[in-house]
N, C-alpha and C. Protein backbone atom coordinates (compact mmCIF):
# COMPACT_ATOMS: atom_id res chain seq x y z
N UNK A 1 16.95 -104.01 -11.64
CA UNK A 1 17.41 -103.26 -10.49
C UNK A 1 18.17 -102.03 -10.98
N UNK A 2 17.95 -100.90 -10.32
CA UNK A 2 18.63 -99.65 -10.68
C UNK A 2 20.08 -99.64 -10.21
N UNK A 3 20.92 -98.96 -10.98
CA UNK A 3 22.30 -98.73 -10.57
C UNK A 3 22.36 -97.37 -9.88
N UNK A 4 23.06 -97.28 -8.78
CA UNK A 4 23.18 -96.02 -8.05
C UNK A 4 23.66 -94.89 -8.95
N UNK A 5 24.62 -95.18 -9.81
CA UNK A 5 25.19 -94.15 -10.69
C UNK A 5 24.16 -93.61 -11.69
N UNK A 6 23.09 -94.35 -11.95
CA UNK A 6 22.06 -93.89 -12.89
C UNK A 6 21.14 -92.84 -12.30
N UNK A 7 20.95 -92.83 -10.98
CA UNK A 7 20.02 -91.88 -10.38
C UNK A 7 20.67 -90.93 -9.37
N UNK A 8 21.90 -91.16 -9.03
CA UNK A 8 22.58 -90.32 -8.04
C UNK A 8 22.81 -88.92 -8.56
N UNK A 9 22.59 -87.94 -7.70
CA UNK A 9 22.88 -86.55 -8.05
C UNK A 9 24.27 -86.14 -7.60
N UNK A 10 24.95 -87.04 -6.90
CA UNK A 10 26.30 -86.76 -6.43
C UNK A 10 27.29 -86.97 -7.56
N UNK A 11 28.24 -86.08 -7.66
CA UNK A 11 29.27 -86.22 -8.68
C UNK A 11 30.34 -87.17 -8.17
N UNK A 12 30.92 -87.91 -9.09
CA UNK A 12 31.99 -88.84 -8.73
C UNK A 12 33.18 -88.07 -8.14
N UNK A 13 33.87 -88.71 -7.24
CA UNK A 13 35.07 -88.12 -6.65
C UNK A 13 36.14 -87.96 -7.72
N UNK A 14 36.86 -86.86 -7.63
CA UNK A 14 37.96 -86.64 -8.57
C UNK A 14 39.14 -87.49 -8.13
N UNK A 15 39.62 -88.31 -9.02
CA UNK A 15 40.73 -89.21 -8.73
C UNK A 15 42.06 -88.52 -8.90
N UNK A 16 43.02 -88.93 -8.10
CA UNK A 16 44.38 -88.44 -8.25
C UNK A 16 45.00 -88.08 -6.92
N UNK A 17 46.30 -88.16 -6.89
CA UNK A 17 47.06 -87.80 -5.70
C UNK A 17 47.15 -86.28 -5.62
N UNK A 18 47.01 -85.74 -4.42
CA UNK A 18 47.06 -84.30 -4.21
C UNK A 18 48.45 -83.75 -4.56
N UNK A 19 48.45 -82.58 -5.20
CA UNK A 19 49.69 -81.88 -5.50
C UNK A 19 49.46 -80.40 -5.24
N UNK A 20 50.44 -79.74 -4.65
CA UNK A 20 50.32 -78.31 -4.37
C UNK A 20 50.39 -77.48 -5.64
N UNK A 21 49.65 -76.40 -5.66
CA UNK A 21 49.60 -75.56 -6.86
C UNK A 21 50.97 -75.00 -7.21
N UNK A 22 51.79 -74.70 -6.22
CA UNK A 22 53.13 -74.17 -6.50
C UNK A 22 54.01 -75.19 -7.22
N UNK A 23 53.68 -76.47 -7.10
CA UNK A 23 54.46 -77.52 -7.77
C UNK A 23 54.13 -77.67 -9.25
N UNK A 24 53.05 -77.03 -9.70
CA UNK A 24 52.68 -77.16 -11.11
C UNK A 24 52.71 -75.82 -11.85
N UNK A 25 53.15 -74.76 -11.17
CA UNK A 25 53.22 -73.45 -11.83
C UNK A 25 54.10 -73.53 -13.06
N UNK A 26 53.65 -72.90 -14.14
CA UNK A 26 54.40 -72.81 -15.40
C UNK A 26 54.64 -74.16 -16.07
N UNK A 27 53.91 -75.19 -15.66
CA UNK A 27 54.01 -76.51 -16.29
C UNK A 27 52.78 -76.72 -17.17
N UNK A 28 52.97 -77.32 -18.32
CA UNK A 28 51.83 -77.63 -19.18
C UNK A 28 51.06 -78.79 -18.56
N UNK A 29 49.77 -78.58 -18.35
CA UNK A 29 48.90 -79.59 -17.74
C UNK A 29 47.65 -79.76 -18.59
N UNK A 30 46.97 -80.86 -18.38
CA UNK A 30 45.65 -81.05 -18.95
C UNK A 30 44.66 -80.85 -17.81
N UNK A 31 43.77 -79.87 -17.97
CA UNK A 31 42.70 -79.66 -16.99
C UNK A 31 41.59 -80.61 -17.40
N UNK A 32 41.34 -81.61 -16.57
CA UNK A 32 40.44 -82.70 -16.92
C UNK A 32 39.03 -82.51 -16.37
N UNK A 33 38.92 -82.05 -15.13
CA UNK A 33 37.61 -81.88 -14.47
C UNK A 33 37.81 -80.95 -13.28
N UNK A 34 36.70 -80.53 -12.68
CA UNK A 34 36.80 -79.65 -11.51
C UNK A 34 35.53 -79.73 -10.67
N UNK A 35 35.64 -79.27 -9.44
CA UNK A 35 34.50 -79.11 -8.53
C UNK A 35 34.71 -77.80 -7.78
N UNK A 36 33.64 -77.09 -7.54
CA UNK A 36 33.67 -75.93 -6.67
C UNK A 36 32.74 -76.24 -5.51
N UNK A 37 33.30 -76.22 -4.30
CA UNK A 37 32.55 -76.55 -3.10
C UNK A 37 32.79 -75.49 -2.04
N UNK A 38 32.03 -75.56 -0.98
CA UNK A 38 32.21 -74.67 0.15
C UNK A 38 33.53 -75.01 0.83
N UNK A 39 34.34 -73.99 1.08
CA UNK A 39 35.64 -74.20 1.71
C UNK A 39 35.49 -74.47 3.20
N UNK A 40 36.36 -75.29 3.72
CA UNK A 40 36.36 -75.53 5.17
C UNK A 40 37.21 -74.49 5.90
N UNK A 41 37.90 -73.64 5.13
CA UNK A 41 38.72 -72.58 5.71
C UNK A 41 38.03 -71.24 5.54
N UNK A 42 38.16 -70.38 6.54
CA UNK A 42 37.59 -69.04 6.44
C UNK A 42 38.51 -68.17 5.60
N UNK A 43 37.90 -67.46 4.65
CA UNK A 43 38.65 -66.59 3.75
C UNK A 43 37.80 -65.36 3.52
N UNK A 44 38.36 -64.19 3.70
CA UNK A 44 37.61 -62.96 3.56
C UNK A 44 37.16 -62.72 2.12
N UNK A 45 37.93 -63.19 1.15
CA UNK A 45 37.63 -62.93 -0.26
C UNK A 45 36.71 -63.97 -0.88
N UNK A 46 36.79 -65.21 -0.44
CA UNK A 46 36.08 -66.27 -1.14
C UNK A 46 35.72 -67.39 -0.16
N UNK A 47 34.47 -67.83 -0.20
CA UNK A 47 34.03 -68.93 0.67
C UNK A 47 34.13 -70.29 0.00
N UNK A 48 34.60 -70.31 -1.24
CA UNK A 48 34.61 -71.55 -2.00
C UNK A 48 36.01 -72.12 -2.17
N UNK A 49 36.03 -73.40 -2.49
CA UNK A 49 37.28 -74.10 -2.77
C UNK A 49 37.15 -74.74 -4.15
N UNK A 50 38.16 -74.56 -4.97
CA UNK A 50 38.21 -75.16 -6.29
C UNK A 50 39.11 -76.40 -6.23
N UNK A 51 38.57 -77.52 -6.64
CA UNK A 51 39.35 -78.74 -6.78
C UNK A 51 39.47 -79.00 -8.27
N UNK A 52 40.70 -79.06 -8.76
CA UNK A 52 40.94 -79.27 -10.18
C UNK A 52 41.61 -80.63 -10.36
N UNK A 53 41.03 -81.45 -11.23
CA UNK A 53 41.69 -82.70 -11.59
C UNK A 53 42.51 -82.41 -12.84
N UNK A 54 43.79 -82.67 -12.73
CA UNK A 54 44.70 -82.41 -13.85
C UNK A 54 45.39 -83.71 -14.25
N UNK A 55 45.98 -83.67 -15.42
CA UNK A 55 46.86 -84.75 -15.83
C UNK A 55 48.23 -84.11 -16.05
N UNK A 56 49.19 -84.59 -15.31
CA UNK A 56 50.56 -84.10 -15.36
C UNK A 56 51.47 -85.31 -15.56
N UNK A 57 52.24 -85.29 -16.63
CA UNK A 57 53.12 -86.42 -16.93
C UNK A 57 52.35 -87.74 -16.96
N UNK A 58 51.19 -87.71 -17.62
CA UNK A 58 50.33 -88.89 -17.81
C UNK A 58 49.77 -89.46 -16.51
N UNK A 59 49.76 -88.67 -15.45
CA UNK A 59 49.26 -89.11 -14.15
C UNK A 59 48.17 -88.15 -13.67
N UNK A 60 47.04 -88.70 -13.21
CA UNK A 60 45.97 -87.86 -12.67
C UNK A 60 46.39 -87.34 -11.30
N UNK A 61 46.20 -86.04 -11.11
CA UNK A 61 46.50 -85.38 -9.83
C UNK A 61 45.35 -84.43 -9.51
N UNK A 62 45.22 -84.03 -8.26
CA UNK A 62 44.22 -83.03 -7.88
C UNK A 62 44.89 -81.86 -7.18
N UNK A 63 44.39 -80.67 -7.48
CA UNK A 63 44.91 -79.43 -6.92
C UNK A 63 43.77 -78.72 -6.22
N UNK A 64 44.01 -78.20 -5.02
CA UNK A 64 43.02 -77.45 -4.27
C UNK A 64 43.46 -75.99 -4.19
N UNK A 65 42.52 -75.07 -4.41
CA UNK A 65 42.84 -73.65 -4.32
C UNK A 65 41.58 -72.84 -4.01
N UNK A 66 41.78 -71.70 -3.40
CA UNK A 66 40.70 -70.75 -3.17
C UNK A 66 40.74 -69.62 -4.17
N UNK A 67 41.50 -69.75 -5.23
CA UNK A 67 41.68 -68.69 -6.21
C UNK A 67 40.37 -68.37 -6.94
N UNK A 68 39.87 -67.17 -6.70
CA UNK A 68 38.66 -66.72 -7.38
C UNK A 68 38.86 -66.56 -8.87
N UNK A 69 40.04 -66.13 -9.28
CA UNK A 69 40.34 -65.96 -10.70
C UNK A 69 40.27 -67.31 -11.41
N UNK A 70 40.89 -68.33 -10.85
CA UNK A 70 40.85 -69.66 -11.46
C UNK A 70 39.43 -70.21 -11.50
N UNK A 71 38.67 -69.98 -10.44
CA UNK A 71 37.28 -70.45 -10.41
C UNK A 71 36.47 -69.83 -11.55
N UNK A 72 36.62 -68.52 -11.73
CA UNK A 72 35.88 -67.83 -12.80
C UNK A 72 36.30 -68.33 -14.17
N UNK A 73 37.61 -68.51 -14.37
CA UNK A 73 38.10 -68.96 -15.67
C UNK A 73 37.61 -70.38 -15.99
N UNK A 74 37.74 -71.28 -15.04
CA UNK A 74 37.36 -72.67 -15.28
C UNK A 74 35.85 -72.78 -15.47
N UNK A 75 35.09 -72.05 -14.68
CA UNK A 75 33.63 -72.05 -14.85
C UNK A 75 33.25 -71.52 -16.23
N UNK A 76 33.91 -70.47 -16.68
CA UNK A 76 33.62 -69.86 -17.97
C UNK A 76 33.91 -70.81 -19.13
N UNK A 77 34.98 -71.59 -19.03
CA UNK A 77 35.41 -72.44 -20.13
C UNK A 77 35.15 -73.94 -19.88
N UNK A 78 34.25 -74.26 -18.96
CA UNK A 78 34.00 -75.67 -18.64
C UNK A 78 33.50 -76.49 -19.82
N UNK A 79 32.85 -75.84 -20.78
CA UNK A 79 32.37 -76.58 -21.95
C UNK A 79 33.51 -77.05 -22.84
N UNK A 80 34.72 -76.52 -22.61
CA UNK A 80 35.89 -76.89 -23.41
C UNK A 80 36.71 -78.02 -22.77
N UNK A 81 36.32 -78.48 -21.58
CA UNK A 81 37.06 -79.54 -20.89
C UNK A 81 37.07 -80.83 -21.70
N UNK A 82 38.15 -81.58 -21.65
CA UNK A 82 39.46 -81.24 -21.10
C UNK A 82 40.22 -80.30 -22.04
N UNK A 83 41.13 -79.51 -21.46
CA UNK A 83 41.96 -78.62 -22.26
C UNK A 83 43.36 -78.54 -21.68
N UNK A 84 44.30 -78.15 -22.52
CA UNK A 84 45.70 -78.00 -22.11
C UNK A 84 45.90 -76.55 -21.68
N UNK A 85 46.59 -76.36 -20.56
CA UNK A 85 46.83 -75.01 -20.06
C UNK A 85 48.07 -74.99 -19.18
N UNK A 86 48.40 -73.82 -18.73
CA UNK A 86 49.47 -73.59 -17.77
C UNK A 86 48.92 -72.67 -16.71
N UNK A 87 49.21 -72.94 -15.44
CA UNK A 87 48.82 -72.04 -14.37
C UNK A 87 50.02 -71.16 -14.06
N UNK A 88 49.79 -69.87 -14.09
CA UNK A 88 50.85 -68.90 -13.80
C UNK A 88 50.45 -68.07 -12.58
N UNK A 89 51.45 -67.61 -11.88
CA UNK A 89 51.21 -66.70 -10.76
C UNK A 89 51.60 -65.30 -11.22
N UNK A 90 50.62 -64.41 -11.20
CA UNK A 90 50.83 -63.02 -11.59
C UNK A 90 50.57 -62.17 -10.35
N UNK A 91 51.63 -61.52 -9.87
CA UNK A 91 51.57 -60.77 -8.61
C UNK A 91 51.05 -61.68 -7.51
N UNK A 92 49.83 -61.46 -7.01
CA UNK A 92 49.35 -62.29 -5.89
C UNK A 92 48.15 -63.15 -6.28
N UNK A 93 47.97 -63.46 -7.56
CA UNK A 93 46.89 -64.35 -7.96
C UNK A 93 47.34 -65.33 -9.02
N UNK A 94 46.57 -66.41 -9.17
CA UNK A 94 46.85 -67.44 -10.16
C UNK A 94 45.93 -67.26 -11.35
N UNK A 95 46.41 -67.61 -12.55
CA UNK A 95 45.62 -67.50 -13.76
C UNK A 95 45.99 -68.61 -14.74
N UNK A 96 45.02 -69.00 -15.55
CA UNK A 96 45.28 -69.95 -16.62
C UNK A 96 45.84 -69.20 -17.82
N UNK A 97 46.74 -69.83 -18.52
CA UNK A 97 47.23 -69.21 -19.76
C UNK A 97 47.52 -70.29 -20.78
């Protein structure tokens, strides 16, 4: 008998309790996984939502953001996952550093 996980095209849900991005600014985190999906909120700049699974203080958490800069950075470096980083706010956008 086949296992659903062997043939499913759906990605597993990202585990972790939700945490606001402002609560992790300038903190060292492990970026563990991510998903980019269609946002349920209307946004003039971006129709997508980035869900990032992080590890903070040895606990899995998830962060939701519409940040286009973070989406581009994480997509560009996805082959390096997991990696250690810090999310910083520069003027009116978020960036990995």
